[in-house]
Amino acid sequence: MERPEHGPADIERLLRAYPFDELPEADRARVLLHVDGRAEYEAMRALLLGVERGAGRLPAIAPEESVRINVMAAFREAHAARRGPWLNGLLAVLWPQELRHAWRPALALGTLALLVVGGIVAVR
């Protein structure tokens, strides 16, 4: 895949390196394909440089302990149903909701037991 001549990373590099008036002519032509003019270029440059300068001065955000406790409690509550042995899920599948349907899993398990016993007898 061929890399385009002027992508966002190239324009960002130019924003960091040059004010609009100092851009080389070829680069200025490429920039003007994406930017409306000198004012927009200078505004983008000021924003980029301001963000880069100010990023190191921001204090670290430390939430209160109660926030962490509440978030962890909400997470545990949301994921509580997924925790637990997989046999609970198997029991829910095998045990019918209504007692009148109890013959279905019994028939399936009985058939499975007969097949296993029949396979063992056939192998011997």
PDB file of N, CA and C in Angstrom:
ATOM      1  N   MET A   1       0.841  -1.166   0.000  1.00  0.00           N
ATOM      2  CA  MET A   1       0.000   0.000   0.000  1.00  0.00           C
ATOM      3  C   MET A   1       0.894   1.239   0.000  1.00  0.00           C
ATOM      4  N   GLU A   2       0.594   2.159  -0.858  1.00  0.00           N
ATOM      5  CA  GLU A   2       1.410   3.350  -1.004  1.00  0.00           C
ATOM      6  C   GLU A   2       0.985   4.425  -0.011  1.00  0.00           C
ATOM      7  N   ARG A   3       1.937   5.053   0.615  1.00  0.00           N
ATOM      8  CA  ARG A   3       1.658   6.095   1.610  1.00  0.00           C
ATOM      9  C   ARG A   3       1.322   7.397   0.892  1.00  0.00           C
ATOM     10  N   PRO A   4       0.258   8.076   1.321  1.00  0.00           N
ATOM     11  CA  PRO A   4      -0.065   9.349   0.670  1.00  0.00           C
ATOM     12  C   PRO A   4       1.018  10.388   0.939  1.00  0.00           C
ATOM     13  N   GLU A   5       1.137  11.364   0.028  1.00  0.00           N
ATOM     14  CA  GLU A   5       2.168  12.388   0.163  1.00  0.00           C
ATOM     15  C   GLU A   5       1.958  13.272   1.378  1.00  0.00           C
ATOM     16  N   HIS A   6       0.703  13.537   1.694  1.00  0.00           N
ATOM     17  CA  HIS A   6       0.424  14.453   2.793  1.00  0.00           C
ATOM     18  C   HIS A   6      -0.716  13.904   3.630  1.00  0.00           C
ATOM     19  N   GLY A   7      -0.353  13.401   4.784  1.00  0.00           N
ATOM     20  CA  GLY A   7      -1.353  12.879   5.702  1.00  0.00           C
ATOM     21  C   GLY A   7      -1.417  13.741   6.937  1.00  0.00           C
ATOM     22  N   PRO A   8      -2.302  13.381   7.870  1.00  0.00           N
ATOM     23  CA  PRO A   8      -2.426  14.150   9.115  1.00  0.00           C
ATOM     24  C   PRO A   8      -1.122  14.224   9.907  1.00  0.00           C
ATOM     25  N   ALA A   9      -0.334  13.159   9.887  1.00  0.00           N
ATOM     26  CA  ALA A   9       0.926  13.174  10.640  1.00  0.00           C
ATOM     27  C   ALA A   9       1.899  14.173  10.026  1.00  0.00           C
ATOM     28  N   ASP A  10       1.890  14.293   8.687  1.00  0.00           N
ATOM     29  CA  ASP A  10       2.778  15.251   8.037  1.00  0.00           C
ATOM     30  C   ASP A  10       2.370  16.682   8.372  1.00  0.00           C
ATOM     31  N   ILE A  11       1.077  16.946   8.371  1.00  0.00           N
ATOM     32  CA  ILE A  11       0.606  18.283   8.693  1.00  0.00           C
ATOM     33  C   ILE A  11       0.900  18.604  10.154  1.00  0.00           C
ATOM     34  N   GLU A  12       0.740  17.623  11.009  1.00  0.00           N
ATOM     35  CA  GLU A  12       1.057  17.835  12.434  1.00  0.00           C
ATOM     36  C   GLU A  12       2.538  18.153  12.609  1.00  0.00           C
ATOM     37  N   ARG A  13       3.368  17.460  11.873  1.00  0.00           N
ATOM     38  CA  ARG A  13       4.812  17.731  11.929  1.00  0.00           C
ATOM     39  C   ARG A  13       5.103  19.167  11.474  1.00  0.00           C
ATOM     40  N   LEU A  14       4.437  19.589  10.415  1.00  0.00           N
ATOM     41  CA  LEU A  14       4.628  20.957   9.928  1.00  0.00           C
ATOM     42  C   LEU A  14       4.110  21.987  10.928  1.00  0.00           C
ATOM     43  N   LEU A  15       2.972  21.683  11.567  1.00  0.00           N
ATOM     44  CA  LEU A  15       2.431  22.597  12.575  1.00  0.00           C
ATOM     45  C   LEU A  15       3.422  22.812  13.707  1.00  0.00           C
ATOM     46  N   ARG A  16       4.086  21.751  14.112  1.00  0.00           N
ATOM     47  CA  ARG A  16       5.075  21.861  15.194  1.00  0.00           C
ATOM     48  C   ARG A  16       6.310  22.638  14.739  1.00  0.00           C
ATOM     49  N   ALA A  17       6.707  22.467  13.488  1.00  0.00           N
ATOM     50  CA  ALA A  17       7.994  22.974  13.032  1.00  0.00           C
ATOM     51  C   ALA A  17       7.963  24.410  12.526  1.00  0.00           C
ATOM     52  N   TYR A  18       6.888  24.819  11.856  1.00  0.00           N
ATOM     53  CA  TYR A  18       6.910  26.105  11.159  1.00  0.00           C
ATOM     54  C   TYR A  18       5.680  26.955  11.445  1.00  0.00           C
ATOM     55  N   PRO A  19       5.882  28.261  11.636  1.00  0.00           N
ATOM     56  CA  PRO A  19       4.745  29.176  11.528  1.00  0.00           C
ATOM     57  C   PRO A  19       4.343  29.248  10.042  1.00  0.00           C
ATOM     58  N   PHE A  20       3.158  29.734   9.758  1.00  0.00           N
ATOM     59  CA  PHE A  20       2.645  29.731   8.383  1.00  0.00           C
ATOM     60  C   PHE A  20       3.576  30.473   7.427  1.00  0.00           C
ATOM     61  N   ASP A  21       4.120  31.594   7.855  1.00  0.00           N
ATOM     62  CA  ASP A  21       4.956  32.401   6.975  1.00  0.00           C
ATOM     63  C   ASP A  21       6.292  31.741   6.652  1.00  0.00           C
ATOM     64  N   GLU A  22       6.734  30.794   7.493  1.00  0.00           N
ATOM     65  CA  GLU A  22       8.024  30.137   7.270  1.00  0.00           C
ATOM     66  C   GLU A  22       7.894  28.781   6.574  1.00  0.00           C
ATOM     67  N   LEU A  23       6.674  28.377   6.234  1.00  0.00           N
ATOM     68  CA  LEU A  23       6.487  27.096   5.540  1.00  0.00           C
ATOM     69  C   LEU A  23       7.145  27.134   4.168  1.00  0.00           C
ATOM     70  N   PRO A  24       7.863  26.075   3.782  1.00  0.00           N
ATOM     71  CA  PRO A  24       8.353  25.996   2.403  1.00  0.00           C
ATOM     72  C   PRO A  24       7.152  25.978   1.445  1.00  0.00           C
ATOM     73  N   GLU A  25       7.350  26.467   0.238  1.00  0.00           N
ATOM     74  CA  GLU A  25       6.252  26.614  -0.719  1.00  0.00           C
ATOM     75  C   GLU A  25       5.533  25.284  -1.002  1.00  0.00           C
ATOM     76  N   ALA A  26       6.289  24.209  -1.188  1.00  0.00           N
ATOM     77  CA  ALA A  26       5.659  22.912  -1.485  1.00  0.00           C
ATOM     78  C   ALA A  26       4.809  22.455  -0.303  1.00  0.00           C
ATOM     79  N   ASP A  27       5.317  22.635   0.914  1.00  0.00           N
ATOM     80  CA  ASP A  27       4.562  22.246   2.101  1.00  0.00           C
ATOM     81  C   ASP A  27       3.355  23.154   2.304  1.00  0.00           C
ATOM     82  N   ARG A  28       3.502  24.436   2.008  1.00  0.00           N
ATOM     83  CA  ARG A  28       2.377  25.361   2.148  1.00  0.00           C
ATOM     84  C   ARG A  28       1.241  24.954   1.198  1.00  0.00           C
ATOM     85  N   ALA A  29       1.588  24.544  -0.006  1.00  0.00           N
ATOM     86  CA  ALA A  29       0.554  24.110  -0.959  1.00  0.00           C
ATOM     87  C   ALA A  29      -0.168  22.869  -0.440  1.00  0.00           C
ATOM     88  N   ARG A  30       0.574  21.923   0.128  1.00  0.00           N
ATOM     89  CA  ARG A  30      -0.061  20.724   0.683  1.00  0.00           C
ATOM     90  C   ARG A  30      -0.935  21.055   1.881  1.00  0.00           C
ATOM     91  N   VAL A  31      -0.474  21.948   2.745  1.00  0.00           N
ATOM     92  CA  VAL A  31      -1.238  22.337   3.924  1.00  0.00           C
ATOM     93  C   VAL A  31      -2.535  23.022   3.510  1.00  0.00           C
ATOM     94  N   LEU A  32      -2.468  23.860   2.501  1.00  0.00           N
ATOM     95  CA  LEU A  32      -3.654  24.605   2.067  1.00  0.00           C
ATOM     96  C   LEU A  32      -4.715  23.706   1.439  1.00  0.00           C
ATOM     97  N   LEU A  33      -4.369  22.474   1.101  1.00  0.00           N
ATOM     98  CA  LEU A  33      -5.386  21.508   0.661  1.00  0.00           C
ATOM     99  C   LEU A  33      -6.309  21.115   1.808  1.00  0.00           C
ATOM    100  N   HIS A  34      -5.809  21.214   3.049  1.00  0.00           N
ATOM    101  CA  HIS A  34      -6.556  20.776   4.224  1.00  0.00           C
ATOM    102  C   HIS A  34      -6.997  21.910   5.131  1.00  0.00           C
ATOM    103  N   VAL A  35      -6.372  23.069   4.996  1.00  0.00           N
ATOM    104  CA  VAL A  35      -6.616  24.202   5.879  1.00  0.00           C
ATOM    105  C   VAL A  35      -7.091  25.371   5.028  1.00  0.00           C
ATOM    106  N   ASP A  36      -8.015  26.170   5.585  1.00  0.00           N
ATOM    107  CA  ASP A  36      -8.584  27.269   4.806  1.00  0.00           C
ATOM    108  C   ASP A  36      -7.630  28.440   4.597  1.00  0.00           C
ATOM    109  N   GLY A  37      -6.665  28.610   5.449  1.00  0.00           N
ATOM    110  CA  GLY A  37      -5.762  29.739   5.261  1.00  0.00           C
ATOM    111  C   GLY A  37      -4.847  29.927   6.438  1.00  0.00           C
ATOM    112  N   ARG A  38      -4.178  31.086   6.422  1.00  0.00           N
ATOM    113  CA  ARG A  38      -3.192  31.397   7.439  1.00  0.00           C
ATOM    114  C   ARG A  38      -3.806  31.413   8.837  1.00  0.00           C
ATOM    115  N   ALA A  39      -4.974  32.011   9.005  1.00  0.00           N
ATOM    116  CA  ALA A  39      -5.590  32.140  10.330  1.00  0.00           C
ATOM    117  C   ALA A  39      -5.915  30.765  10.922  1.00  0.00           C
ATOM    118  N   GLU A  40      -6.466  29.877  10.107  1.00  0.00           N
ATOM    119  CA  GLU A  40      -6.791  28.542  10.617  1.00  0.00           C
ATOM    120  C   GLU A  40      -5.524  27.760  10.945  1.00  0.00           C
ATOM    121  N   TYR A  41      -4.499  27.868  10.103  1.00  0.00           N
ATOM    122  CA  TYR A  41      -3.234  27.188  10.359  1.00  0.00           C
ATOM    123  C   TYR A  41      -2.634  27.665  11.671  1.00  0.00           C
ATOM    124  N   GLU A  42      -2.589  28.984  11.877  1.00  0.00           N
ATOM    125  CA  GLU A  42      -2.005  29.532  13.104  1.00  0.00           C
ATOM    126  C   GLU A  42      -2.829  29.144  14.334  1.00  0.00           C
ATOM    127  N   ALA A  43      -4.159  29.074  14.191  1.00  0.00           N
ATOM    128  CA  ALA A  43      -5.002  28.648  15.315  1.00  0.00           C
ATOM    129  C   ALA A  43      -4.734  27.186  15.656  1.00  0.00           C
ATOM    130  N   MET A  44      -4.607  26.346  14.634  1.00  0.00           N
ATOM    131  CA  MET A  44      -4.310  24.922  14.869  1.00  0.00           C
ATOM    132  C   MET A  44      -2.928  24.774  15.505  1.00  0.00           C
ATOM    133  N   ARG A  45      -1.965  25.573  15.041  1.00  0.00           N
ATOM    134  CA  ARG A  45      -0.609  25.499  15.573  1.00  0.00           C
ATOM    135  C   ARG A  45      -0.590  25.923  17.044  1.00  0.00           C
ATOM    136  N   ALA A  46      -1.307  27.004  17.358  1.00  0.00           N
ATOM    137  CA  ALA A  46      -1.357  27.480  18.747  1.00  0.00           C
ATOM    138  C   ALA A  46      -2.012  26.434  19.646  1.00  0.00           C
ATOM    139  N   LEU A  47      -3.066  25.813  19.161  1.00  0.00           N
ATOM    140  CA  LEU A  47      -3.741  24.778  19.946  1.00  0.00           C
ATOM    141  C   LEU A  47      -2.823  23.585  20.191  1.00  0.00           C
ATOM    142  N   LEU A  48      -2.167  23.103  19.138  1.00  0.00           N
ATOM    143  CA  LEU A  48      -1.277  21.943  19.269  1.00  0.00           C
ATOM    144  C   LEU A  48      -0.129  22.237  20.233  1.00  0.00           C
ATOM    145  N   LEU A  49       0.514  23.373  20.066  1.00  0.00           N
ATOM    146  CA  LEU A  49       1.640  23.699  20.944  1.00  0.00           C
ATOM    147  C   LEU A  49       1.178  23.957  22.367  1.00  0.00           C
ATOM    148  N   GLY A  50       0.010  24.562  22.527  1.00  0.00           N
ATOM    149  CA  GLY A  50      -0.526  24.798  23.866  1.00  0.00           C
ATOM    150  C   GLY A  50      -0.861  23.512  24.588  1.00  0.00           C
ATOM    151  N   VAL A  51      -1.434  22.567  23.863  1.00  0.00           N
ATOM    152  CA  VAL A  51      -1.764  21.267  24.468  1.00  0.00           C
ATOM    153  C   VAL A  51      -0.487  20.544  24.866  1.00  0.00           C
ATOM    154  N   GLU A  52       0.514  20.578  23.993  1.00  0.00           N
ATOM    155  CA  GLU A  52       1.768  19.885  24.312  1.00  0.00           C
ATOM    156  C   GLU A  52       2.473  20.520  25.510  1.00  0.00           C
ATOM    157  N   ARG A  53       2.433  21.838  25.608  1.00  0.00           N
ATOM    158  CA  ARG A  53       3.072  22.507  26.750  1.00  0.00           C
ATOM    159  C   ARG A  53       2.300  22.260  28.039  1.00  0.00           C
ATOM    160  N   GLY A  54       0.992  22.279  27.970  1.00  0.00           N
ATOM    161  CA  GLY A  54       0.171  22.175  29.176  1.00  0.00           C
ATOM    162  C   GLY A  54      -0.047  20.763  29.663  1.00  0.00           C
ATOM    163  N   ALA A  55       0.265  19.771  28.854  1.00  0.00           N
ATOM    164  CA  ALA A  55      -0.017  18.387  29.240  1.00  0.00           C
ATOM    165  C   ALA A  55       0.786  17.951  30.452  1.00  0.00           C
ATOM    166  N   GLY A  56       1.998  18.451  30.622  1.00  0.00           N
ATOM    167  CA  GLY A  56       2.831  18.047  31.746  1.00  0.00           C
ATOM    168  C   GLY A  56       2.481  18.751  33.042  1.00  0.00           C
ATOM    169  N   ARG A  57       1.700  19.837  32.963  1.00  0.00           N
ATOM    170  CA  ARG A  57       1.396  20.613  34.159  1.00  0.00           C
ATOM    171  C   ARG A  57       0.122  20.179  34.863  1.00  0.00           C
ATOM    172  N   LEU A  58      -0.653  19.323  34.258  1.00  0.00           N
ATOM    173  CA  LEU A  58      -1.916  18.922  34.867  1.00  0.00           C
ATOM    174  C   LEU A  58      -1.664  17.999  36.057  1.00  0.00           C
ATOM    175  N   PRO A  59      -2.362  18.209  37.154  1.00  0.00           N
ATOM    176  CA  PRO A  59      -2.182  17.316  38.306  1.00  0.00           C
ATOM    177  C   PRO A  59      -2.844  15.959  38.032  1.00  0.00           C
ATOM    178  N   ALA A  60      -2.315  14.958  38.666  1.00  0.00           N
ATOM    179  CA  ALA A  60      -2.899  13.627  38.535  1.00  0.00           C
ATOM    180  C   ALA A  60      -4.269  13.614  39.211  1.00  0.00           C
ATOM    181  N   ILE A  61      -5.196  12.937  38.583  1.00  0.00           N
ATOM    182  CA  ILE A  61      -6.549  12.849  39.134  1.00  0.00           C
ATOM    183  C   ILE A  61      -6.606  11.638  40.048  1.00  0.00           C
ATOM    184  N   ALA A  62      -7.002  11.859  41.290  1.00  0.00           N
ATOM    185  CA  ALA A  62      -7.122  10.778  42.258  1.00  0.00           C
ATOM    186  C   ALA A  62      -8.539  10.800  42.831  1.00  0.00           C
ATOM    187  N   PRO A  63      -9.352   9.797  42.497  1.00  0.00           N
ATOM    188  CA  PRO A  63     -10.723   9.791  43.013  1.00  0.00           C
ATOM    189  C   PRO A  63     -10.739   9.472  44.508  1.00  0.00           C
ATOM    190  N   GLU A  64     -11.835   9.861  45.126  1.00  0.00           N
ATOM    191  CA  GLU A  64     -12.011   9.535  46.536  1.00  0.00           C
ATOM    192  C   GLU A  64     -12.206   8.031  46.679  1.00  0.00           C
ATOM    193  N   GLU A  65     -11.903   7.522  47.854  1.00  0.00           N
ATOM    194  CA  GLU A  65     -12.031   6.087  48.108  1.00  0.00           C
ATOM    195  C   GLU A  65     -13.472   5.616  47.958  1.00  0.00           C
ATOM    196  N   SER A  66     -14.439   6.460  48.306  1.00  0.00           N
ATOM    197  CA  SER A  66     -15.846   6.065  48.189  1.00  0.00           C
ATOM    198  C   SER A  66     -16.239   5.836  46.736  1.00  0.00           C
ATOM    199  N   VAL A  67     -15.650   6.590  45.825  1.00  0.00           N
ATOM    200  CA  VAL A  67     -15.938   6.404  44.393  1.00  0.00           C
ATOM    201  C   VAL A  67     -15.445   5.034  43.947  1.00  0.00           C
ATOM    202  N   ARG A  68     -14.226   4.690  44.334  1.00  0.00           N
ATOM    203  CA  ARG A  68     -13.679   3.379  43.965  1.00  0.00           C
ATOM    204  C   ARG A  68     -14.532   2.254  44.535  1.00  0.00           C
ATOM    205  N   ILE A  69     -14.956   2.391  45.774  1.00  0.00           N
ATOM    206  CA  ILE A  69     -15.779   1.351  46.412  1.00  0.00           C
ATOM    207  C   ILE A  69     -17.110   1.203  45.682  1.00  0.00           C
ATOM    208  N   ASN A  70     -17.742   2.326  45.327  1.00  0.00           N
ATOM    209  CA  ASN A  70     -19.030   2.273  44.619  1.00  0.00           C
ATOM    210  C   ASN A  70     -18.885   1.662  43.235  1.00  0.00           C
ATOM    211  N   VAL A  71     -17.823   2.005  42.522  1.00  0.00           N
ATOM    212  CA  VAL A  71     -17.611   1.441  41.181  1.00  0.00           C
ATOM    213  C   VAL A  71     -17.365  -0.062  41.275  1.00  0.00           C
ATOM    214  N   MET A  72     -16.555  -0.495  42.214  1.00  0.00           N
ATOM    215  CA  MET A  72     -16.279  -1.923  42.361  1.00  0.00           C
ATOM    216  C   MET A  72     -17.530  -2.688  42.768  1.00  0.00           C
ATOM    217  N   ALA A  73     -18.369  -2.103  43.620  1.00  0.00           N
ATOM    218  CA  ALA A  73     -19.615  -2.764  44.017  1.00  0.00           C
ATOM    219  C   ALA A  73     -20.553  -2.900  42.823  1.00  0.00           C
ATOM    220  N   ALA A  74     -20.641  -1.860  42.003  1.00  0.00           N
ATOM    221  CA  ALA A  74     -21.487  -1.932  40.807  1.00  0.00           C
ATOM    222  C   ALA A  74     -20.964  -2.975  39.828  1.00  0.00           C
ATOM    223  N   PHE A  75     -19.649  -3.059  39.684  1.00  0.00           N
ATOM    224  CA  PHE A  75     -19.052  -4.067  38.796  1.00  0.00           C
ATOM    225  C   PHE A  75     -19.346  -5.476  39.298  1.00  0.00           C
ATOM    226  N   ARG A  76     -19.157  -5.701  40.585  1.00  0.00           N
ATOM    227  CA  ARG A  76     -19.428  -7.033  41.148  1.00  0.00           C
ATOM    228  C   ARG A  76     -20.893  -7.415  40.979  1.00  0.00           C
ATOM    229  N   GLU A  77     -21.783  -6.449  41.178  1.00  0.00           N
ATOM    230  CA  GLU A  77     -23.213  -6.717  41.030  1.00  0.00           C
ATOM    231  C   GLU A  77     -23.561  -7.060  39.579  1.00  0.00           C
ATOM    232  N   ALA A  78     -22.964  -6.369  38.650  1.00  0.00           N
ATOM    233  CA  ALA A  78     -23.246  -6.621  37.232  1.00  0.00           C
ATOM    234  C   ALA A  78     -22.696  -7.959  36.766  1.00  0.00           C
ATOM    235  N   HIS A  79     -21.598  -8.405  37.358  1.00  0.00           N
ATOM    236  CA  HIS A  79     -20.963  -9.640  36.917  1.00  0.00           C
ATOM    237  C   HIS A  79     -21.169 -10.810  37.872  1.00  0.00           C
ATOM    238  N   ALA A  80     -22.025 -10.649  38.848  1.00  0.00           N
ATOM    239  CA  ALA A  80     -22.239 -11.712  39.839  1.00  0.00           C
ATOM    240  C   ALA A  80     -22.871 -12.942  39.208  1.00  0.00           C
ATOM    241  N   ALA A  81     -23.745 -12.774  38.244  1.00  0.00           N
ATOM    242  CA  ALA A  81     -24.436 -13.901  37.627  1.00  0.00           C
ATOM    243  C   ALA A  81     -23.468 -14.772  36.834  1.00  0.00           C
ATOM    244  N   ARG A  82     -22.404 -14.187  36.311  1.00  0.00           N
ATOM    245  CA  ARG A  82     -21.450 -14.959  35.514  1.00  0.00           C
ATOM    246  C   ARG A  82     -20.487 -15.760  36.370  1.00  0.00           C
ATOM    247  N   ARG A  83     -20.306 -15.333  37.595  1.00  0.00           N
ATOM    248  CA  ARG A  83     -19.417 -16.057  38.479  1.00  0.00           C
ATOM    249  C   ARG A  83     -20.088 -17.328  38.953  1.00  0.00           C
ATOM    250  N   GLY A  84     -19.337 -18.304  39.311  1.00  0.00           N
ATOM    251  CA  GLY A  84     -19.901 -19.547  39.818  1.00  0.00           C
ATOM    252  C   GLY A  84     -19.550 -20.696  38.890  1.00  0.00           C
ATOM    253  N   PRO A  85     -19.684 -21.897  39.389  1.00  0.00           N
ATOM    254  CA  PRO A  85     -19.307 -23.077  38.604  1.00  0.00           C
ATOM    255  C   PRO A  85     -20.197 -23.241  37.379  1.00  0.00           C
ATOM    256  N   TRP A  86     -19.631 -23.802  36.345  1.00  0.00           N
ATOM    257  CA  TRP A  86     -20.395 -24.027  35.123  1.00  0.00           C
ATOM    258  C   TRP A  86     -21.442 -25.106  35.328  1.00  0.00           C
ATOM    259  N   LEU A  87     -21.292 -25.913  36.384  1.00  0.00           N
ATOM    260  CA  LEU A  87     -22.287 -26.952  36.648  1.00  0.00           C
ATOM    261  C   LEU A  87     -23.648 -26.343  36.989  1.00  0.00           C
ATOM    262  N   ASN A  88     -23.666 -25.143  37.572  1.00  0.00           N
ATOM    263  CA  ASN A  88     -24.948 -24.490  37.836  1.00  0.00           C
ATOM    264  C   ASN A  88     -25.700 -24.249  36.540  1.00  0.00           C
ATOM    265  N   GLY A  89     -24.992 -23.854  35.510  1.00  0.00           N
ATOM    266  CA  GLY A  89     -25.624 -23.660  34.208  1.00  0.00           C
ATOM    267  C   GLY A  89     -26.102 -24.973  33.625  1.00  0.00           C
ATOM    268  N   LEU A  90     -25.326 -26.026  33.814  1.00  0.00           N
ATOM    269  CA  LEU A  90     -25.715 -27.346  33.320  1.00  0.00           C
ATOM    270  C   LEU A  90     -26.948 -27.844  34.056  1.00  0.00           C
ATOM    271  N   LEU A  91     -27.006 -27.612  35.356  1.00  0.00           N
ATOM    272  CA  LEU A  91     -28.169 -28.010  36.130  1.00  0.00           C
ATOM    273  C   LEU A  91     -29.414 -27.262  35.664  1.00  0.00           C
ATOM    274  N   ALA A  92     -29.275 -25.987  35.335  1.00  0.00           N
ATOM    275  CA  ALA A  92     -30.414 -25.206  34.853  1.00  0.00           C
ATOM    276  C   ALA A  92     -30.927 -25.751  33.530  1.00  0.00           C
ATOM    277  N   VAL A  93     -30.029 -26.252  32.682  1.00  0.00           N
ATOM    278  CA  VAL A  93     -30.444 -26.824  31.396  1.00  0.00           C
ATOM    279  C   VAL A  93     -31.123 -28.172  31.604  1.00  0.00           C
ATOM    280  N   LEU A  94     -30.559 -28.986  32.500  1.00  0.00           N
ATOM    281  CA  LEU A  94     -31.091 -30.338  32.690  1.00  0.00           C
ATOM    282  C   LEU A  94     -32.336 -30.379  33.572  1.00  0.00           C
ATOM    283  N   TRP A  95     -32.481 -29.459  34.484  1.00  0.00           N
ATOM    284  CA  TRP A  95     -33.625 -29.471  35.390  1.00  0.00           C
ATOM    285  C   TRP A  95     -34.733 -28.616  34.792  1.00  0.00           C
ATOM    286  N   PRO A  96     -35.876 -29.207  34.481  1.00  0.00           N
ATOM    287  CA  PRO A  96     -36.945 -28.442  33.835  1.00  0.00           C
ATOM    288  C   PRO A  96     -37.599 -27.442  34.787  1.00  0.00           C
ATOM    289  N   GLN A  97     -38.185 -26.392  34.194  1.00  0.00           N
ATOM    290  CA  GLN A  97     -38.874 -25.380  34.989  1.00  0.00           C
ATOM    291  C   GLN A  97     -40.154 -25.955  35.601  1.00  0.00           C
ATOM    292  N   GLU A  98     -40.833 -26.769  34.839  1.00  0.00           N
ATOM    293  CA  GLU A  98     -42.072 -27.384  35.330  1.00  0.00           C
ATOM    294  C   GLU A  98     -41.838 -28.875  35.496  1.00  0.00           C
ATOM    295  N   LEU A  99     -42.421 -29.443  36.530  1.00  0.00           N
ATOM    296  CA  LEU A  99     -42.202 -30.854  36.836  1.00  0.00           C
ATOM    297  C   LEU A  99     -42.766 -31.767  35.753  1.00  0.00           C
ATOM    298  N   ARG A 100     -43.795 -31.347  35.039  1.00  0.00           N
ATOM    299  CA  ARG A 100     -44.380 -32.209  34.017  1.00  0.00           C
ATOM    300  C   ARG A 100     -43.435 -32.437  32.843  1.00  0.00           C
ATOM    301  N   HIS A 101     -42.383 -31.622  32.729  1.00  0.00           N
ATOM    302  CA  HIS A 101     -41.396 -31.811  31.653  1.00  0.00           C
ATOM    303  C   HIS A 101     -40.169 -32.584  32.131  1.00  0.00           C
ATOM    304  N   ALA A 102     -40.222 -33.190  33.287  1.00  0.00           N
ATOM    305  CA  ALA A 102     -39.062 -33.868  33.861  1.00  0.00           C
ATOM    306  C   ALA A 102     -38.668 -35.111  33.068  1.00  0.00           C
ATOM    307  N   TRP A 103     -39.555 -35.673  32.283  1.00  0.00           N
ATOM    308  CA  TRP A 103     -39.234 -36.884  31.536  1.00  0.00           C
ATOM    309  C   TRP A 103     -38.227 -36.605  30.420  1.00  0.00           C
ATOM    310  N   ARG A 104     -38.146 -35.383  29.900  1.00  0.00           N
ATOM    311  CA  ARG A 104     -37.242 -35.092  28.784  1.00  0.00           C
ATOM    312  C   ARG A 104     -35.766 -35.261  29.168  1.00  0.00           C
ATOM    313  N   PRO A 105     -35.280 -34.617  30.247  1.00  0.00           N
ATOM    314  CA  PRO A 105     -33.879 -34.848  30.592  1.00  0.00           C
ATOM    315  C   PRO A 105     -33.637 -36.280  31.067  1.00  0.00           C
ATOM    316  N   ALA A 106     -34.624 -36.870  31.726  1.00  0.00           N
ATOM    317  CA  ALA A 106     -34.461 -38.254  32.183  1.00  0.00           C
ATOM    318  C   ALA A 106     -34.308 -39.182  30.985  1.00  0.00           C
ATOM    319  N   LEU A 107     -35.095 -38.977  29.961  1.00  0.00           N
ATOM    320  CA  LEU A 107     -35.000 -39.791  28.748  1.00  0.00           C
ATOM    321  C   LEU A 107     -33.653 -39.578  28.065  1.00  0.00           C
ATOM    322  N   ALA A 108     -33.201 -38.344  27.991  1.00  0.00           N
ATOM    323  CA  ALA A 108     -31.915 -38.051  27.345  1.00  0.00           C
ATOM    324  C   ALA A 108     -30.761 -38.670  28.121  1.00  0.00           C
ATOM    325  N   LEU A 109     -30.754 -38.531  29.446  1.00  0.00           N
ATOM    326  CA  LEU A 109     -29.678 -39.112  30.252  1.00  0.00           C
ATOM    327  C   LEU A 109     -29.724 -40.627  30.231  1.00  0.00           C
ATOM    328  N   GLY A 110     -30.921 -41.205  30.233  1.00  0.00           N
ATOM    329  CA  GLY A 110     -31.052 -42.660  30.153  1.00  0.00           C
ATOM    330  C   GLY A 110     -30.517 -43.190  28.827  1.00  0.00           C
ATOM    331  N   THR A 111     -30.824 -42.500  27.747  1.00  0.00           N
ATOM    332  CA  THR A 111     -30.322 -42.902  26.431  1.00  0.00           C
ATOM    333  C   THR A 111     -28.801 -42.803  26.390  1.00  0.00           C
ATOM    334  N   LEU A 112     -28.258 -41.752  26.948  1.00  0.00           N
ATOM    335  CA  LEU A 112     -26.816 -41.585  26.989  1.00  0.00           C
ATOM    336  C   LEU A 112     -26.157 -42.706  27.798  1.00  0.00           C
ATOM    337  N   ALA A 113     -26.760 -43.056  28.950  1.00  0.00           N
ATOM    338  CA  ALA A 113     -26.213 -44.135  29.780  1.00  0.00           C
ATOM    339  C   ALA A 113     -26.239 -45.460  29.025  1.00  0.00           C
ATOM    340  N   LEU A 114     -27.341 -45.728  28.300  1.00  0.00           N
ATOM    341  CA  LEU A 114     -27.420 -46.969  27.517  1.00  0.00           C
ATOM    342  C   LEU A 114     -26.367 -46.998  26.414  1.00  0.00           C
ATOM    343  N   LEU A 115     -26.128 -45.884  25.755  1.00  0.00           N
ATOM    344  CA  LEU A 115     -25.112 -45.840  24.710  1.00  0.00           C
ATOM    345  C   LEU A 115     -23.719 -46.071  25.265  1.00  0.00           C
ATOM    346  N   VAL A 116     -23.416 -45.484  26.438  1.00  0.00           N
ATOM    347  CA  VAL A 116     -22.107 -45.690  27.041  1.00  0.00           C
ATOM    348  C   VAL A 116     -21.919 -47.147  27.436  1.00  0.00           C
ATOM    349  N   VAL A 117     -22.921 -47.703  28.102  1.00  0.00           N
ATOM    350  CA  VAL A 117     -22.823 -49.110  28.519  1.00  0.00           C
ATOM    351  C   VAL A 117     -22.743 -50.009  27.284  1.00  0.00           C
ATOM    352  N   GLY A 118     -23.546 -49.718  26.262  1.00  0.00           N
ATOM    353  CA  GLY A 118     -23.491 -50.528  25.046  1.00  0.00           C
ATOM    354  C   GLY A 118     -22.151 -50.422  24.358  1.00  0.00           C
ATOM    355  N   GLY A 119     -21.542 -49.242  24.359  1.00  0.00           N
ATOM    356  CA  GLY A 119     -20.227 -49.080  23.761  1.00  0.00           C
ATOM    357  C   GLY A 119     -19.155 -49.849  24.507  1.00  0.00           C
ATOM    358  N   ILE A 120     -19.233 -49.849  25.834  1.00  0.00           N
ATOM    359  CA  ILE A 120     -18.254 -50.588  26.639  1.00  0.00           C
ATOM    360  C   ILE A 120     -18.398 -52.081  26.387  1.00  0.00           C
ATOM    361  N   VAL A 121     -19.625 -52.587  26.333  1.00  0.00           N
ATOM    362  CA  VAL A 121     -19.852 -54.006  26.097  1.00  0.00           C
ATOM    363  C   VAL A 121     -19.385 -54.396  24.709  1.00  0.00           C
ATOM    364  N   ALA A 122     -19.616 -53.532  23.717  1.00  0.00           N
ATOM    365  CA  ALA A 122     -19.218 -53.838  22.354  1.00  0.00           C
ATOM    366  C   ALA A 122     -17.696 -53.865  22.203  1.00  0.00           C
ATOM    367  N   VAL A 123     -17.011 -53.048  22.943  1.00  0.00           N
ATOM    368  CA  VAL A 123     -15.552 -52.986  22.836  1.00  0.00           C
ATOM    369  C   VAL A 123     -14.917 -54.225  23.455  1.00  0.00           C
ATOM    370  N   ARG A 124     -15.494 -54.739  24.518  1.00  0.00           N
ATOM    371  CA  ARG A 124     -14.942 -55.924  25.184  1.00  0.00           C
ATOM    372  C   ARG A 124     -15.197 -57.079  24.335  1.00  0.00           C
TER     373      ARG A 124
END
